[in-house]
C-alpha atoms as a PDB file:
ATOM      1  CA  UNK A   1     -25.922 -48.007   5.625  1.00  0.00           C
ATOM      2  CA  UNK A   2     -24.853 -49.148   9.236  1.00  0.00           C
ATOM      3  CA  UNK A   3     -22.914 -46.312   9.964  1.00  0.00           C
ATOM      4  CA  UNK A   4     -25.520 -43.698   8.692  1.00  0.00           C
ATOM      5  CA  UNK A   5     -27.885 -45.305  11.217  1.00  0.00           C
ATOM      6  CA  UNK A   6     -25.352 -45.230  13.934  1.00  0.00           C
ATOM      7  CA  UNK A   7     -24.917 -41.607  13.232  1.00  0.00           C
ATOM      8  CA  UNK A   8     -28.638 -40.964  13.718  1.00  0.00           C
ATOM      9  CA  UNK A   9     -29.770 -40.519   9.924  1.00  0.00           C
ATOM     10  CA  UNK A  10     -33.242 -40.854   9.608  1.00  0.00           C
ATOM     11  CA  UNK A  11     -32.755 -42.429   6.003  1.00  0.00           C
ATOM     12  CA  UNK A  12     -29.890 -42.843   3.440  1.00  0.00           C
ATOM     13  CA  UNK A  13     -29.374 -42.515  -0.382  1.00  0.00           C
ATOM     14  CA  UNK A  14     -27.502 -45.788  -2.032  1.00  0.00           C
ATOM     15  CA  UNK A  15     -25.892 -44.888  -5.237  1.00  0.00           C
ATOM     16  CA  UNK A  16     -25.271 -45.488  -8.016  1.00  0.00           C
ATOM     17  CA  UNK A  17     -27.852 -47.785  -8.686  1.00  0.00           C
ATOM     18  CA  UNK A  18     -27.414 -47.676 -12.658  1.00  0.00           C
ATOM     19  CA  UNK A  19     -24.762 -46.188 -14.844  1.00  0.00           C
ATOM     20  CA  UNK A  20     -24.966 -42.446 -14.671  1.00  0.00           C
ATOM     21  CA  UNK A  21     -24.263 -39.284 -17.293  1.00  0.00           C
ATOM     22  CA  UNK A  22     -22.650 -37.424 -14.502  1.00  0.00           C
ATOM     23  CA  UNK A  23     -20.161 -40.182 -13.479  1.00  0.00           C
ATOM     24  CA  UNK A  24     -19.128 -42.075 -16.455  1.00  0.00           C
ATOM     25  CA  UNK A  25     -17.337 -45.136 -16.133  1.00  0.00           C
ATOM     26  CA  UNK A  26     -18.171 -45.613 -12.318  1.00  0.00           C
ATOM     27  CA  UNK A  27     -19.405 -48.947 -11.393  1.00  0.00           C
ATOM     28  CA  UNK A  28     -23.032 -49.263 -10.804  1.00  0.00           C
ATOM     29  CA  UNK A  29     -24.619 -51.368  -7.930  1.00  0.00           C
ATOM     30  CA  UNK A  30     -27.226 -52.968  -9.787  1.00  0.00           C
ATOM     31  CA  UNK A  31     -30.496 -54.094  -8.498  1.00  0.00           C
ATOM     32  CA  UNK A  32     -29.516 -57.158  -6.727  1.00  0.00           C
ATOM     33  CA  UNK A  33     -26.887 -55.477  -4.663  1.00  0.00           C
ATOM     34  CA  UNK A  34     -29.060 -52.819  -3.677  1.00  0.00           C
ATOM     35  CA  UNK A  35     -31.814 -55.299  -2.558  1.00  0.00           C
ATOM     36  CA  UNK A  36     -29.353 -57.061  -0.684  1.00  0.00           C
ATOM     37  CA  UNK A  37     -27.756 -54.194   1.083  1.00  0.00           C
ATOM     38  CA  UNK A  38     -31.025 -52.231   1.293  1.00  0.00           C
ATOM     39  CA  UNK A  39     -33.029 -54.938   2.871  1.00  0.00           C
ATOM     40  CA  UNK A  40     -30.515 -55.509   5.684  1.00  0.00           C
ATOM     41  CA  UNK A  41     -30.085 -51.834   6.508  1.00  0.00           C
ATOM     42  CA  UNK A  42     -31.587 -50.500   9.792  1.00  0.00           C
ATOM     43  CA  UNK A  43     -33.233 -47.654   8.273  1.00  0.00           C
ATOM     44  CA  UNK A  44     -34.912 -46.455   5.042  1.00  0.00           C
ATOM     45  CA  UNK A  45     -32.957 -46.549   1.890  1.00  0.00           C
ATOM     46  CA  UNK A  46     -33.582 -44.656  -1.203  1.00  0.00           C
ATOM     47  CA  UNK A  47     -32.232 -45.463  -4.676  1.00  0.00           C
ATOM     48  CA  UNK A  48     -30.137 -42.826  -6.588  1.00  0.00           C
ATOM     49  CA  UNK A  49     -28.134 -42.779  -9.684  1.00  0.00           C
ATOM     50  CA  UNK A  50     -29.109 -43.464 -13.258  1.00  0.00           C
ATOM     51  CA  UNK A  51     -32.772 -43.433 -12.394  1.00  0.00           C
ATOM     52  CA  UNK A  52     -34.994 -42.640 -15.209  1.00  0.00           C
ATOM     53  CA  UNK A  53     -38.716 -42.775 -15.997  1.00  0.00           C
ATOM     54  CA  UNK A  54     -37.809 -45.619 -18.137  1.00  0.00           C
ATOM     55  CA  UNK A  55     -35.975 -47.914 -15.587  1.00  0.00           C
ATOM     56  CA  UNK A  56     -37.646 -46.773 -12.248  1.00  0.00           C
ATOM     57  CA  UNK A  57     -40.298 -49.412 -12.457  1.00  0.00           C
ATOM     58  CA  UNK A  58     -37.450 -52.115 -11.964  1.00  0.00           C
ATOM     59  CA  UNK A  59     -37.529 -50.722  -8.451  1.00  0.00           C
ATOM     60  CA  UNK A  60     -41.075 -51.729  -7.597  1.00  0.00           C
ATOM     61  CA  UNK A  61     -40.224 -54.912  -5.545  1.00  0.00           C
ATOM     62  CA  UNK A  62     -36.519 -53.775  -4.518  1.00  0.00           C
ATOM     63  CA  UNK A  63     -37.600 -52.612  -0.821  1.00  0.00           C
ATOM     64  CA  UNK A  64     -36.573 -49.087  -1.646  1.00  0.00           C
ATOM     65  CA  UNK A  65     -37.888 -46.499   0.556  1.00  0.00           C
ATOM     66  CA  UNK A  66     -38.217 -44.264  -2.708  1.00  0.00           C
ATOM     67  CA  UNK A  67     -36.201 -43.054  -5.508  1.00  0.00           C
ATOM     68  CA  UNK A  68     -34.126 -40.019  -6.212  1.00  0.00           C
ATOM     69  CA  UNK A  69     -32.981 -38.470  -9.609  1.00  0.00           C
ATOM     70  CA  UNK A  70     -31.380 -35.435 -10.517  1.00  0.00           C
ATOM     71  CA  UNK A  71     -31.773 -35.320 -14.334  1.00  0.00           C
ATOM     72  CA  UNK A  72     -33.246 -38.507 -15.401  1.00  0.00           C
ATOM     73  CA  UNK A  73     -36.902 -37.697 -15.458  1.00  0.00           C
ATOM     74  CA  UNK A  74     -36.350 -35.599 -18.563  1.00  0.00           C
ATOM     75  CA  UNK A  75     -33.399 -37.271 -20.236  1.00  0.00           C
ATOM     76  CA  UNK A  76     -33.485 -40.192 -22.533  1.00  0.00           C
ATOM     77  CA  UNK A  77     -30.785 -41.921 -24.246  1.00  0.00           C
ATOM     78  CA  UNK A  78     -28.416 -44.782 -24.208  1.00  0.00           C
ATOM     79  CA  UNK A  79     -28.492 -45.043 -20.520  1.00  0.00           C
ATOM     80  CA  UNK A  80     -32.364 -44.992 -20.383  1.00  0.00           C
ATOM     81  CA  UNK A  81     -32.910 -48.691 -19.633  1.00  0.00           C
END
């Protein structure tokens, strides 16, 4: 996030927040790490990765500038936490 800001980025995506179907087996950051990194970032940070309509509300007090999702708004299943 520091490097993105130094390169002039207006914002950054931090991912994967939760487990994803598109990258099975990849370790997720989790809410606490997202909060810790995002709140220290010198630019707005958007959450990405495994976000669905069912778990998006967990980001309400995370400091996220917003959320991004690829397929999570219409998909449901075992990763919808």
